[in-house]
């Protein structure tokens, strides 16, 4: 990774590498969040099959977490 950063510094593409690192690190949180929400929902349905009727609320929570990923992606175009 340091070799990539060094080559980017030599060629002047530090901005591109910085945005790539920002995107990669910024998507880790939403990925973990969606996984935890899905895990909790599957555990709830496994213990109590009646909990499956709350799928709509779970999708709202997933959409909220995915909004953070969308903001990370949109910030790539905002930051110059």
N, C-alpha and C. Protein backbone atom coordinates (compact mmCIF):
# COMPACT_ATOMS: atom_id res chain seq x y z
N UNK A 1 0.83 -1.19 0.00
CA UNK A 1 0.00 0.00 0.00
C UNK A 1 0.87 1.25 0.00
N UNK A 2 1.94 1.22 0.75
CA UNK A 2 2.81 2.38 0.77
C UNK A 2 3.46 2.61 -0.58
N UNK A 3 3.74 1.54 -1.29
CA UNK A 3 4.32 1.67 -2.63
C UNK A 3 3.32 2.37 -3.55
N UNK A 4 2.04 2.03 -3.42
CA UNK A 4 1.01 2.68 -4.23
C UNK A 4 0.93 4.17 -3.90
N UNK A 5 0.98 4.50 -2.61
CA UNK A 5 0.94 5.90 -2.21
C UNK A 5 2.17 6.65 -2.71
N UNK A 6 3.32 5.98 -2.66
CA UNK A 6 4.55 6.61 -3.14
C UNK A 6 4.48 6.88 -4.63
N UNK A 7 3.99 5.90 -5.39
CA UNK A 7 3.86 6.09 -6.84
C UNK A 7 2.83 7.17 -7.16
N UNK A 8 1.76 7.25 -6.38
CA UNK A 8 0.76 8.28 -6.61
C UNK A 8 1.35 9.66 -6.34
N UNK A 9 2.19 9.74 -5.33
CA UNK A 9 2.83 11.02 -5.02
C UNK A 9 3.77 11.44 -6.14
N UNK A 10 4.45 10.47 -6.71
CA UNK A 10 5.37 10.79 -7.80
C UNK A 10 4.64 11.24 -9.06
N UNK A 11 3.52 10.63 -9.34
CA UNK A 11 2.80 10.96 -10.57
C UNK A 11 1.80 12.08 -10.38
N UNK A 12 1.54 12.49 -9.14
CA UNK A 12 0.62 13.59 -8.91
C UNK A 12 -0.83 13.17 -8.74
N UNK A 13 -1.08 11.88 -8.56
CA UNK A 13 -2.44 11.38 -8.39
C UNK A 13 -2.78 11.11 -6.93
N UNK A 14 -2.27 11.91 -6.05
CA UNK A 14 -2.54 11.73 -4.62
C UNK A 14 -4.03 11.93 -4.35
N UNK A 15 -4.64 12.83 -5.08
CA UNK A 15 -6.06 13.10 -4.90
C UNK A 15 -6.91 11.86 -5.18
N UNK A 16 -6.57 11.15 -6.24
CA UNK A 16 -7.31 9.95 -6.61
C UNK A 16 -7.14 8.86 -5.56
N UNK A 17 -5.91 8.67 -5.10
CA UNK A 17 -5.65 7.66 -4.08
C UNK A 17 -6.34 8.04 -2.77
N UNK A 18 -6.33 9.30 -2.42
CA UNK A 18 -7.00 9.76 -1.21
C UNK A 18 -8.50 9.52 -1.26
N UNK A 19 -9.09 9.79 -2.40
CA UNK A 19 -10.53 9.54 -2.54
C UNK A 19 -10.84 8.05 -2.48
N UNK A 20 -9.97 7.23 -3.04
CA UNK A 20 -10.18 5.79 -2.97
C UNK A 20 -10.11 5.26 -1.55
N UNK A 21 -9.14 5.75 -0.80
CA UNK A 21 -9.03 5.35 0.61
C UNK A 21 -10.23 5.85 1.39
N UNK A 22 -10.68 7.07 1.12
CA UNK A 22 -11.84 7.61 1.81
C UNK A 22 -13.08 6.77 1.52
N UNK A 23 -13.25 6.35 0.28
CA UNK A 23 -14.40 5.54 -0.09
C UNK A 23 -14.33 4.17 0.59
N UNK A 24 -13.17 3.57 0.58
CA UNK A 24 -13.01 2.26 1.20
C UNK A 24 -13.27 2.27 2.69
N UNK A 25 -12.70 3.23 3.38
CA UNK A 25 -12.89 3.32 4.83
C UNK A 25 -14.32 3.75 5.15
N UNK A 26 -14.88 4.62 4.35
CA UNK A 26 -16.23 5.11 4.62
C UNK A 26 -17.31 4.07 4.39
N UNK A 27 -17.04 3.07 3.58
CA UNK A 27 -18.04 2.02 3.32
C UNK A 27 -17.97 0.88 4.33
N UNK A 28 -16.95 0.86 5.16
CA UNK A 28 -16.83 -0.21 6.16
C UNK A 28 -17.96 -0.11 7.18
N UNK A 29 -18.23 1.08 7.66
CA UNK A 29 -19.27 1.27 8.68
C UNK A 29 -20.65 0.84 8.22
N UNK A 30 -21.13 1.34 7.08
CA UNK A 30 -22.44 0.89 6.60
C UNK A 30 -22.50 -0.61 6.32
N UNK A 31 -21.41 -1.18 5.83
CA UNK A 31 -21.39 -2.62 5.59
C UNK A 31 -21.56 -3.41 6.87
N UNK A 32 -20.86 -3.00 7.91
CA UNK A 32 -21.00 -3.66 9.21
C UNK A 32 -22.39 -3.42 9.78
N UNK A 33 -22.90 -2.20 9.61
CA UNK A 33 -24.23 -1.87 10.14
C UNK A 33 -25.33 -2.70 9.51
N UNK A 34 -25.30 -2.86 8.20
CA UNK A 34 -26.32 -3.66 7.52
C UNK A 34 -26.20 -5.13 7.96
N UNK A 35 -24.98 -5.60 8.11
CA UNK A 35 -24.78 -6.97 8.57
C UNK A 35 -25.32 -7.20 9.96
N UNK A 36 -25.10 -6.26 10.87
CA UNK A 36 -25.62 -6.40 12.23
C UNK A 36 -27.14 -6.34 12.27
N UNK A 37 -27.72 -5.47 11.46
CA UNK A 37 -29.19 -5.38 11.41
C UNK A 37 -29.77 -6.68 10.87
N UNK A 38 -29.19 -7.19 9.80
CA UNK A 38 -29.66 -8.45 9.25
C UNK A 38 -29.50 -9.61 10.22
N UNK A 39 -28.39 -9.63 10.94
CA UNK A 39 -28.14 -10.67 11.93
C UNK A 39 -29.18 -10.62 13.04
N UNK A 40 -29.46 -9.44 13.54
CA UNK A 40 -30.45 -9.30 14.61
C UNK A 40 -31.84 -9.72 14.13
N UNK A 41 -32.18 -9.35 12.89
CA UNK A 41 -33.50 -9.72 12.37
C UNK A 41 -33.62 -11.24 12.19
N UNK A 42 -32.58 -11.86 11.66
CA UNK A 42 -32.63 -13.31 11.48
C UNK A 42 -32.69 -14.04 12.81
N UNK A 43 -31.98 -13.55 13.82
CA UNK A 43 -32.07 -14.15 15.15
C UNK A 43 -33.47 -13.99 15.72
N UNK A 44 -34.07 -12.83 15.52
CA UNK A 44 -35.42 -12.60 16.04
C UNK A 44 -36.44 -13.50 15.36
N UNK A 45 -36.32 -13.66 14.06
CA UNK A 45 -37.26 -14.53 13.33
C UNK A 45 -37.01 -15.99 13.69
N UNK A 46 -35.76 -16.35 13.93
CA UNK A 46 -35.46 -17.72 14.33
C UNK A 46 -36.05 -18.07 15.68
N UNK A 47 -36.03 -17.12 16.60
CA UNK A 47 -36.59 -17.36 17.93
C UNK A 47 -38.11 -17.26 17.94
N UNK A 48 -38.62 -16.30 17.16
CA UNK A 48 -40.05 -16.05 17.16
C UNK A 48 -40.48 -15.76 15.72
N UNK A 49 -41.08 -16.73 15.04
CA UNK A 49 -41.47 -16.52 13.64
C UNK A 49 -42.48 -15.39 13.43
N UNK A 50 -43.16 -14.99 14.47
CA UNK A 50 -44.10 -13.87 14.36
C UNK A 50 -43.37 -12.54 14.14
N UNK A 51 -42.08 -12.50 14.43
CA UNK A 51 -41.31 -11.27 14.27
C UNK A 51 -41.07 -10.93 12.80
N UNK A 52 -41.41 -11.85 11.90
CA UNK A 52 -41.20 -11.60 10.48
C UNK A 52 -42.07 -10.47 9.96
N UNK A 53 -43.13 -10.13 10.69
CA UNK A 53 -44.01 -9.05 10.23
C UNK A 53 -43.36 -7.67 10.39
N UNK A 54 -42.22 -7.60 11.06
CA UNK A 54 -41.53 -6.32 11.25
C UNK A 54 -40.48 -6.07 10.16
N UNK A 55 -40.59 -6.76 9.05
CA UNK A 55 -39.62 -6.60 7.95
C UNK A 55 -39.62 -5.17 7.42
N UNK A 56 -40.77 -4.53 7.37
CA UNK A 56 -40.84 -3.15 6.87
C UNK A 56 -40.02 -2.20 7.72
N UNK A 57 -40.08 -2.37 9.04
CA UNK A 57 -39.29 -1.52 9.93
C UNK A 57 -37.80 -1.79 9.77
N UNK A 58 -37.46 -3.05 9.57
CA UNK A 58 -36.05 -3.40 9.37
C UNK A 58 -35.52 -2.76 8.09
N UNK A 59 -36.34 -2.75 7.05
CA UNK A 59 -35.90 -2.13 5.80
C UNK A 59 -35.70 -0.62 5.95
N UNK A 60 -36.49 0.01 6.81
CA UNK A 60 -36.28 1.44 7.09
C UNK A 60 -34.94 1.65 7.77
N UNK A 61 -34.60 0.78 8.72
CA UNK A 61 -33.31 0.89 9.40
C UNK A 61 -32.15 0.65 8.44
N UNK A 62 -32.30 -0.31 7.55
CA UNK A 62 -31.26 -0.59 6.56
C UNK A 62 -31.10 0.60 5.62
N UNK A 63 -32.21 1.21 5.23
CA UNK A 63 -32.14 2.38 4.35
C UNK A 63 -31.44 3.55 5.05
N UNK A 64 -31.66 3.69 6.34
CA UNK A 64 -30.99 4.75 7.09
C UNK A 64 -29.48 4.53 7.12
N UNK A 65 -29.07 3.29 7.31
CA UNK A 65 -27.64 2.98 7.33
C UNK A 65 -27.05 3.17 5.94
N UNK A 66 -27.78 2.76 4.91
CA UNK A 66 -27.29 2.91 3.55
C UNK A 66 -27.21 4.38 3.13
N UNK A 67 -27.97 5.24 3.78
CA UNK A 67 -27.87 6.67 3.50
C UNK A 67 -26.47 7.18 3.84
N UNK A 68 -25.89 6.63 4.90
CA UNK A 68 -24.52 7.04 5.25
C UNK A 68 -23.54 6.63 4.15
N UNK A 69 -23.74 5.45 3.56
CA UNK A 69 -22.88 5.03 2.45
C UNK A 69 -23.08 5.94 1.25
N UNK A 70 -24.29 6.35 1.00
CA UNK A 70 -24.57 7.25 -0.11
C UNK A 70 -23.92 8.61 0.11
N UNK A 71 -23.91 9.07 1.35
CA UNK A 71 -23.25 10.35 1.64
C UNK A 71 -21.74 10.26 1.44
N UNK A 72 -21.15 9.12 1.78
CA UNK A 72 -19.72 8.92 1.53
C UNK A 72 -19.45 8.96 0.03
N UNK A 73 -20.29 8.27 -0.73
CA UNK A 73 -20.10 8.24 -2.19
C UNK A 73 -20.30 9.64 -2.78
N UNK A 74 -21.29 10.39 -2.31
CA UNK A 74 -21.54 11.73 -2.84
C UNK A 74 -20.42 12.69 -2.47
N UNK A 75 -19.80 12.46 -1.32
CA UNK A 75 -18.72 13.37 -0.91
C UNK A 75 -17.50 13.25 -1.81
N UNK A 76 -17.37 12.15 -2.53
CA UNK A 76 -16.26 12.04 -3.49
C UNK A 76 -16.35 13.09 -4.57
N UNK A 77 -17.56 13.44 -4.95
CA UNK A 77 -17.76 14.41 -6.02
C UNK A 77 -17.75 15.85 -5.48
N UNK A 78 -18.00 16.00 -4.18
CA UNK A 78 -18.02 17.34 -3.59
C UNK A 78 -16.61 17.81 -3.27
N UNK A 79 -15.79 16.92 -2.70
CA UNK A 79 -14.43 17.27 -2.29
C UNK A 79 -13.54 17.34 -3.53
N UNK A 80 -12.82 18.44 -3.64
CA UNK A 80 -11.92 18.61 -4.80
C UNK A 80 -10.49 18.59 -4.37
